[in-house]
PDB file of N, CA and C in Angstrom:
ATOM      1  N   MET A   1       8.531  15.839   9.904  1.00  0.00           N
ATOM      2  CA  MET A   1       7.861  16.229   8.687  1.00  0.00           C
ATOM      3  C   MET A   1       8.936  16.617   7.678  1.00  0.00           C
ATOM      4  N   LYS A   2       8.757  16.151   6.432  1.00  0.00           N
ATOM      5  CA  LYS A   2       9.689  16.435   5.343  1.00  0.00           C
ATOM      6  C   LYS A   2       8.950  17.097   4.194  1.00  0.00           C
ATOM      7  N   THR A   3       9.665  17.856   3.408  1.00  0.00           N
ATOM      8  CA  THR A   3       9.114  18.493   2.219  1.00  0.00           C
ATOM      9  C   THR A   3       9.598  17.731   0.998  1.00  0.00           C
ATOM     10  N   ILE A   4       8.693  17.454   0.059  1.00  0.00           N
ATOM     11  CA  ILE A   4       9.075  16.812  -1.195  1.00  0.00           C
ATOM     12  C   ILE A   4       8.605  17.685  -2.346  1.00  0.00           C
ATOM     13  N   THR A   5       9.235  17.493  -3.500  1.00  0.00           N
ATOM     14  CA  THR A   5       8.857  18.231  -4.693  1.00  0.00           C
ATOM     15  C   THR A   5       8.290  17.248  -5.705  1.00  0.00           C
ATOM     16  N   VAL A   6       7.147  17.592  -6.281  1.00  0.00           N
ATOM     17  CA  VAL A   6       6.525  16.771  -7.320  1.00  0.00           C
ATOM     18  C   VAL A   6       6.211  17.664  -8.505  1.00  0.00           C
ATOM     19  N   SER A   7       6.069  17.039  -9.661  1.00  0.00           N
ATOM     20  CA  SER A   7       5.724  17.809 -10.855  1.00  0.00           C
ATOM     21  C   SER A   7       4.300  18.351 -10.722  1.00  0.00           C
ATOM     22  N   ASP A   8       3.985  19.345 -11.529  1.00  0.00           N
ATOM     23  CA  ASP A   8       2.632  19.909 -11.520  1.00  0.00           C
ATOM     24  C   ASP A   8       1.592  18.850 -11.857  1.00  0.00           C
ATOM     25  N   GLU A   9       1.933  17.966 -12.788  1.00  0.00           N
ATOM     26  CA  GLU A   9       0.999  16.912 -13.191  1.00  0.00           C
ATOM     27  C   GLU A   9       0.718  15.963 -12.016  1.00  0.00           C
ATOM     28  N   VAL A  10       1.755  15.567 -11.304  1.00  0.00           N
ATOM     29  CA  VAL A  10       1.575  14.682 -10.146  1.00  0.00           C
ATOM     30  C   VAL A  10       0.773  15.401  -9.064  1.00  0.00           C
ATOM     31  N   TYR A  11       1.044  16.669  -8.860  1.00  0.00           N
ATOM     32  CA  TYR A  11       0.294  17.440  -7.866  1.00  0.00           C
ATOM     33  C   TYR A  11      -1.197  17.461  -8.195  1.00  0.00           C
ATOM     34  N   ARG A  12      -1.530  17.705  -9.465  1.00  0.00           N
ATOM     35  CA  ARG A  12      -2.939  17.718  -9.872  1.00  0.00           C
ATOM     36  C   ARG A  12      -3.600  16.363  -9.631  1.00  0.00           C
ATOM     37  N   LYS A  13      -2.865  15.296  -9.913  1.00  0.00           N
ATOM     38  CA  LYS A  13      -3.400  13.954  -9.678  1.00  0.00           C
ATOM     39  C   LYS A  13      -3.632  13.715  -8.185  1.00  0.00           C
ATOM     40  N   LEU A  14      -2.689  14.141  -7.355  1.00  0.00           N
ATOM     41  CA  LEU A  14      -2.851  13.983  -5.912  1.00  0.00           C
ATOM     42  C   LEU A  14      -4.032  14.800  -5.392  1.00  0.00           C
ATOM     43  N   VAL A  15      -4.198  16.007  -5.906  1.00  0.00           N
ATOM     44  CA  VAL A  15      -5.330  16.842  -5.502  1.00  0.00           C
ATOM     45  C   VAL A  15      -6.635  16.133  -5.859  1.00  0.00           C
ATOM     46  N   ALA A  16      -6.691  15.549  -7.057  1.00  0.00           N
ATOM     47  CA  ALA A  16      -7.905  14.846  -7.484  1.00  0.00           C
ATOM     48  C   ALA A  16      -8.178  13.641  -6.582  1.00  0.00           C
ATOM     49  N   LEU A  17      -7.140  12.891  -6.247  1.00  0.00           N
ATOM     50  CA  LEU A  17      -7.310  11.729  -5.369  1.00  0.00           C
ATOM     51  C   LEU A  17      -7.698  12.144  -3.953  1.00  0.00           C
ATOM     52  N   LYS A  18      -7.135  13.246  -3.517  1.00  0.00           N
ATOM     53  CA  LYS A  18      -7.398  13.753  -2.166  1.00  0.00           C
ATOM     54  C   LYS A  18      -8.852  14.158  -2.035  1.00  0.00           C
ATOM     55  N   GLY A  19      -9.375  14.828  -3.060  1.00  0.00           N
ATOM     56  CA  GLY A  19     -10.769  15.256  -3.036  1.00  0.00           C
ATOM     57  C   GLY A  19     -11.059  16.175  -1.861  1.00  0.00           C
ATOM     58  N   ALA A  20     -12.325  16.246  -1.497  1.00  0.00           N
ATOM     59  CA  ALA A  20     -12.750  17.123  -0.407  1.00  0.00           C
ATOM     60  C   ALA A  20     -12.973  16.339   0.875  1.00  0.00           C
ATOM     61  N   GLY A  21     -12.447  15.124   0.941  1.00  0.00           N
ATOM     62  CA  GLY A  21     -12.697  14.254   2.082  1.00  0.00           C
ATOM     63  C   GLY A  21     -11.912  14.584   3.338  1.00  0.00           C
ATOM     64  N   GLY A  22     -11.094  15.597   3.289  1.00  0.00           N
ATOM     65  CA  GLY A  22     -10.355  15.988   4.476  1.00  0.00           C
ATOM     66  C   GLY A  22      -9.076  15.187   4.706  1.00  0.00           C
ATOM     67  N   ARG A  23      -8.699  14.329   3.734  1.00  0.00           N
ATOM     68  CA  ARG A  23      -7.455  13.573   3.884  1.00  0.00           C
ATOM     69  C   ARG A  23      -6.268  14.462   3.538  1.00  0.00           C
ATOM     70  N   SER A  24      -5.153  14.172   4.154  1.00  0.00           N
ATOM     71  CA  SER A  24      -3.929  14.904   3.845  1.00  0.00           C
ATOM     72  C   SER A  24      -3.241  14.260   2.645  1.00  0.00           C
ATOM     73  N   PHE A  25      -2.292  14.973   2.056  1.00  0.00           N
ATOM     74  CA  PHE A  25      -1.515  14.395   0.967  1.00  0.00           C
ATOM     75  C   PHE A  25      -0.743  13.183   1.473  1.00  0.00           C
ATOM     76  N   SER A  26      -0.243  13.246   2.692  1.00  0.00           N
ATOM     77  CA  SER A  26       0.476  12.103   3.266  1.00  0.00           C
ATOM     78  C   SER A  26      -0.421  10.875   3.339  1.00  0.00           C
ATOM     79  N   GLN A  27      -1.672  11.057   3.723  1.00  0.00           N
ATOM     80  CA  GLN A  27      -2.600   9.923   3.793  1.00  0.00           C
ATOM     81  C   GLN A  27      -2.862   9.345   2.410  1.00  0.00           C
ATOM     82  N   VAL A  28      -3.036  10.211   1.425  1.00  0.00           N
ATOM     83  CA  VAL A  28      -3.283   9.747   0.056  1.00  0.00           C
ATOM     84  C   VAL A  28      -2.086   8.948  -0.456  1.00  0.00           C
ATOM     85  N   ILE A  29      -0.892   9.469  -0.262  1.00  0.00           N
ATOM     86  CA  ILE A  29       0.320   8.783  -0.722  1.00  0.00           C
ATOM     87  C   ILE A  29       0.482   7.459   0.004  1.00  0.00           C
ATOM     88  N   ASP A  30       0.245   7.452   1.308  1.00  0.00           N
ATOM     89  CA  ASP A  30       0.360   6.223   2.095  1.00  0.00           C
ATOM     90  C   ASP A  30      -0.628   5.165   1.600  1.00  0.00           C
ATOM     91  N   GLU A  31      -1.857   5.568   1.295  1.00  0.00           N
ATOM     92  CA  GLU A  31      -2.859   4.632   0.779  1.00  0.00           C
ATOM     93  C   GLU A  31      -2.433   4.064  -0.569  1.00  0.00           C
ATOM     94  N   LEU A  32      -1.842   4.893  -1.415  1.00  0.00           N
ATOM     95  CA  LEU A  32      -1.365   4.413  -2.716  1.00  0.00           C
ATOM     96  C   LEU A  32      -0.248   3.382  -2.545  1.00  0.00           C
ATOM     97  N   ILE A  33       0.670   3.664  -1.646  1.00  0.00           N
ATOM     98  CA  ILE A  33       1.766   2.721  -1.389  1.00  0.00           C
ATOM     99  C   ILE A  33       1.212   1.417  -0.840  1.00  0.00           C
ATOM    100  N   ARG A  34       0.314   1.516   0.118  1.00  0.00           N
ATOM    101  CA  ARG A  34      -0.289   0.321   0.719  1.00  0.00           C
ATOM    102  C   ARG A  34      -1.020  -0.529  -0.314  1.00  0.00           C
ATOM    103  N   SER A  35      -1.739   0.123  -1.214  1.00  0.00           N
ATOM    104  CA  SER A  35      -2.495  -0.632  -2.216  1.00  0.00           C
ATOM    105  C   SER A  35      -1.553  -1.402  -3.131  1.00  0.00           C
ATOM    106  N   ARG A  36      -0.399  -0.842  -3.440  1.00  0.00           N
ATOM    107  CA  ARG A  36       0.581  -1.537  -4.272  1.00  0.00           C
ATOM    108  C   ARG A  36       1.158  -2.733  -3.520  1.00  0.00           C
ATOM    109  N   VAL A  37       1.423  -2.569  -2.243  1.00  0.00           N
ATOM    110  CA  VAL A  37       1.934  -3.678  -1.436  1.00  0.00           C
ATOM    111  C   VAL A  37       0.891  -4.790  -1.387  1.00  0.00           C
ATOM    112  N   ASP A  38      -0.364  -4.431  -1.141  1.00  0.00           N
ATOM    113  CA  ASP A  38      -1.432  -5.428  -1.081  1.00  0.00           C
ATOM    114  C   ASP A  38      -1.552  -6.180  -2.405  1.00  0.00           C
ATOM    115  N   LEU A  39      -1.437  -5.470  -3.515  1.00  0.00           N
ATOM    116  CA  LEU A  39      -1.530  -6.099  -4.830  1.00  0.00           C
ATOM    117  C   LEU A  39      -0.396  -7.103  -5.019  1.00  0.00           C
ATOM    118  N   ARG A  40       0.797  -6.724  -4.633  1.00  0.00           N
ATOM    119  CA  ARG A  40       1.935  -7.630  -4.770  1.00  0.00           C
ATOM    120  C   ARG A  40       1.778  -8.860  -3.889  1.00  0.00           C
ATOM    121  N   VAL A  41       1.283  -8.668  -2.684  1.00  0.00           N
ATOM    122  CA  VAL A  41       1.066  -9.792  -1.781  1.00  0.00           C
ATOM    123  C   VAL A  41       0.027 -10.739  -2.378  1.00  0.00           C
ATOM    124  N   GLU A  42      -1.047 -10.197  -2.933  1.00  0.00           N
ATOM    125  CA  GLU A  42      -2.064 -11.037  -3.561  1.00  0.00           C
ATOM    126  C   GLU A  42      -1.471 -11.858  -4.700  1.00  0.00           C
ATOM    127  N   ARG A  43      -0.619 -11.254  -5.475  1.00  0.00           N
ATOM    128  CA  ARG A  43       0.005 -11.976  -6.588  1.00  0.00           C
ATOM    129  C   ARG A  43       0.896 -13.108  -6.069  1.00  0.00           C
ATOM    130  N   ILE A  44       1.614 -12.857  -4.981  1.00  0.00           N
ATOM    131  CA  ILE A  44       2.445 -13.903  -4.385  1.00  0.00           C
ATOM    132  C   ILE A  44       1.572 -15.067  -3.925  1.00  0.00           C
ATOM    133  N   ILE A  45       0.463 -14.747  -3.278  1.00  0.00           N
ATOM    134  CA  ILE A  45      -0.439 -15.796  -2.805  1.00  0.00           C
ATOM    135  C   ILE A  45      -0.995 -16.587  -3.983  1.00  0.00           C
ATOM    136  N   GLU A  46      -1.430 -15.897  -5.020  1.00  0.00           N
ATOM    137  CA  GLU A  46      -1.986 -16.578  -6.195  1.00  0.00           C
ATOM    138  C   GLU A  46      -0.960 -17.526  -6.816  1.00  0.00           C
ATOM    139  N   GLU A  47       0.268 -17.058  -6.955  1.00  0.00           N
ATOM    140  CA  GLU A  47       1.306 -17.894  -7.547  1.00  0.00           C
ATOM    141  C   GLU A  47       1.661 -19.059  -6.629  1.00  0.00           C
ATOM    142  N   SER A  48       1.696 -18.817  -5.332  1.00  0.00           N
ATOM    143  CA  SER A  48       2.094 -19.868  -4.400  1.00  0.00           C
ATOM    144  C   SER A  48       1.059 -20.984  -4.335  1.00  0.00           C
ATOM    145  N   ARG A  49      -0.197 -20.689  -4.623  1.00  0.00           N
ATOM    146  CA  ARG A  49      -1.242 -21.714  -4.603  1.00  0.00           C
ATOM    147  C   ARG A  49      -1.052 -22.745  -5.706  1.00  0.00           C
ATOM    148  N   ARG A  50      -0.288 -22.421  -6.702  1.00  0.00           N
ATOM    149  CA  ARG A  50      -0.023 -23.354  -7.794  1.00  0.00           C
ATOM    150  C   ARG A  50       1.005 -24.413  -7.390  1.00  0.00           C
ATOM    151  N   LEU A  51       1.722 -24.146  -6.319  1.00  0.00           N
ATOM    152  CA  LEU A  51       2.761 -25.063  -5.869  1.00  0.00           C
ATOM    153  C   LEU A  51       2.203 -26.017  -4.823  1.00  0.00           C
ATOM    154  N   GLU A  52       2.895 -27.122  -4.607  1.00  0.00           N
ATOM    155  CA  GLU A  52       2.481 -28.052  -3.563  1.00  0.00           C
ATOM    156  C   GLU A  52       2.993 -27.555  -2.217  1.00  0.00           C
ATOM    157  N   GLY A  53       2.221 -27.818  -1.166  1.00  0.00           N
ATOM    158  CA  GLY A  53       2.652 -27.468   0.183  1.00  0.00           C
ATOM    159  C   GLY A  53       2.808 -25.977   0.400  1.00  0.00           C
ATOM    160  N   VAL A  54       1.853 -25.194  -0.026  1.00  0.00           N
ATOM    161  CA  VAL A  54       1.981 -23.741   0.030  1.00  0.00           C
ATOM    162  C   VAL A  54       1.379 -23.124   1.289  1.00  0.00           C
ATOM    163  N   GLU A  55       0.811 -23.940   2.161  1.00  0.00           N
ATOM    164  CA  GLU A  55       0.138 -23.384   3.327  1.00  0.00           C
ATOM    165  C   GLU A  55       1.062 -22.489   4.155  1.00  0.00           C
ATOM    166  N   GLU A  56       2.317 -22.900   4.289  1.00  0.00           N
ATOM    167  CA  GLU A  56       3.273 -22.121   5.074  1.00  0.00           C
ATOM    168  C   GLU A  56       3.564 -20.789   4.388  1.00  0.00           C
ATOM    169  N   ILE A  57       3.689 -20.798   3.081  1.00  0.00           N
ATOM    170  CA  ILE A  57       3.937 -19.554   2.337  1.00  0.00           C
ATOM    171  C   ILE A  57       2.760 -18.607   2.514  1.00  0.00           C
ATOM    172  N   VAL A  58       1.557 -19.123   2.378  1.00  0.00           N
ATOM    173  CA  VAL A  58       0.360 -18.302   2.515  1.00  0.00           C
ATOM    174  C   VAL A  58       0.301 -17.712   3.917  1.00  0.00           C
ATOM    175  N   ARG A  59       0.603 -18.503   4.935  1.00  0.00           N
ATOM    176  CA  ARG A  59       0.583 -18.016   6.312  1.00  0.00           C
ATOM    177  C   ARG A  59       1.599 -16.878   6.505  1.00  0.00           C
ATOM    178  N   ILE A  60       2.793 -17.060   5.977  1.00  0.00           N
ATOM    179  CA  ILE A  60       3.837 -16.038   6.120  1.00  0.00           C
ATOM    180  C   ILE A  60       3.431 -14.754   5.412  1.00  0.00           C
ATOM    181  N   VAL A  61       2.905 -14.878   4.208  1.00  0.00           N
ATOM    182  CA  VAL A  61       2.500 -13.693   3.447  1.00  0.00           C
ATOM    183  C   VAL A  61       1.385 -12.955   4.177  1.00  0.00           C
ATOM    184  N   ARG A  62       0.428 -13.697   4.738  1.00  0.00           N
ATOM    185  CA  ARG A  62      -0.655 -13.041   5.483  1.00  0.00           C
ATOM    186  C   ARG A  62      -0.111 -12.303   6.700  1.00  0.00           C
ATOM    187  N   GLU A  63       0.864 -12.888   7.384  1.00  0.00           N
ATOM    188  CA  GLU A  63       1.486 -12.215   8.525  1.00  0.00           C
ATOM    189  C   GLU A  63       2.188 -10.935   8.082  1.00  0.00           C
ATOM    190  N   LEU A  64       2.859 -11.004   6.942  1.00  0.00           N
ATOM    191  CA  LEU A  64       3.522  -9.804   6.417  1.00  0.00           C
ATOM    192  C   LEU A  64       2.504  -8.717   6.110  1.00  0.00           C
ATOM    193  N   ARG A  65       1.385  -9.115   5.506  1.00  0.00           N
ATOM    194  CA  ARG A  65       0.348  -8.145   5.173  1.00  0.00           C
ATOM    195  C   ARG A  65      -0.190  -7.485   6.435  1.00  0.00           C
ATOM    196  N   GLU A  66      -0.419  -8.272   7.472  1.00  0.00           N
ATOM    197  CA  GLU A  66      -0.929  -7.716   8.727  1.00  0.00           C
ATOM    198  C   GLU A  66       0.071  -6.738   9.339  1.00  0.00           C
ATOM    199  N   GLY A  67       1.356  -6.946   9.058  1.00  0.00           N
ATOM    200  CA  GLY A  67       2.384  -6.039   9.544  1.00  0.00           C
ATOM    201  C   GLY A  67       2.324  -4.668   8.914  1.00  0.00           C
ATOM    202  N   PHE A  68       1.591  -4.553   7.808  1.00  0.00           N
ATOM    203  CA  PHE A  68       1.425  -3.272   7.143  1.00  0.00           C
ATOM    204  C   PHE A  68       0.173  -2.563   7.637  1.00  0.00           C
ATOM    205  N   GLY A  69      -0.089  -2.689   8.918  1.00  0.00           N
ATOM    206  CA  GLY A  69      -1.259  -2.022   9.522  1.00  0.00           C
ATOM    207  C   GLY A  69      -1.074  -0.523   9.542  1.00  0.00           C
ATOM    208  N   PRO A  70      -1.976   0.172  10.191  1.00  0.00           N
ATOM    209  CA  PRO A  70      -1.901   1.635  10.253  1.00  0.00           C
ATOM    210  C   PRO A  70      -0.586   2.113  10.847  1.00  0.00           C
ATOM    211  N   ARG A  71      -0.046   3.168  10.252  1.00  0.00           N
ATOM    212  CA  ARG A  71       1.201   3.738  10.772  1.00  0.00           C
ATOM    213  C   ARG A  71       0.932   4.447  12.079  1.00  0.00           C
ATOM    214  N   VAL A  72       1.902   4.346  12.954  1.00  0.00           N
ATOM    215  CA  VAL A  72       1.834   5.053  14.224  1.00  0.00           C
ATOM    216  C   VAL A  72       2.926   6.105  14.216  1.00  0.00           C
ATOM    217  N   GLU A  73       2.533   7.352  14.337  1.00  0.00           N
ATOM    218  CA  GLU A  73       3.487   8.447  14.352  1.00  0.00           C
ATOM    219  C   GLU A  73       4.104   8.560  15.727  1.00  0.00           C
ATOM    220  N   ALA A  74       5.417   8.697  15.766  1.00  0.00           N
ATOM    221  CA  ALA A  74       6.132   8.825  17.042  1.00  0.00           C
ATOM    222  C   ALA A  74       6.205  10.257  17.476  1.00  0.00           C
TER     223      ALA A  74
END
């Protein structure tokens, strides 16, 4: 476990995202990071479909996305 420092504004935003759902700040941050990765992967797929012979690229990108499954804490 590590401690990080964020501005008051970022803290308020994280509190709002966290809500009363019982999620931790770590879970909220992890979900935000994951959503950005997913968005980038989608953009790669969209762009690759414009090219010829993209099936291999799409397959590789999907495998990469699956690699971003739930984190396992050691």
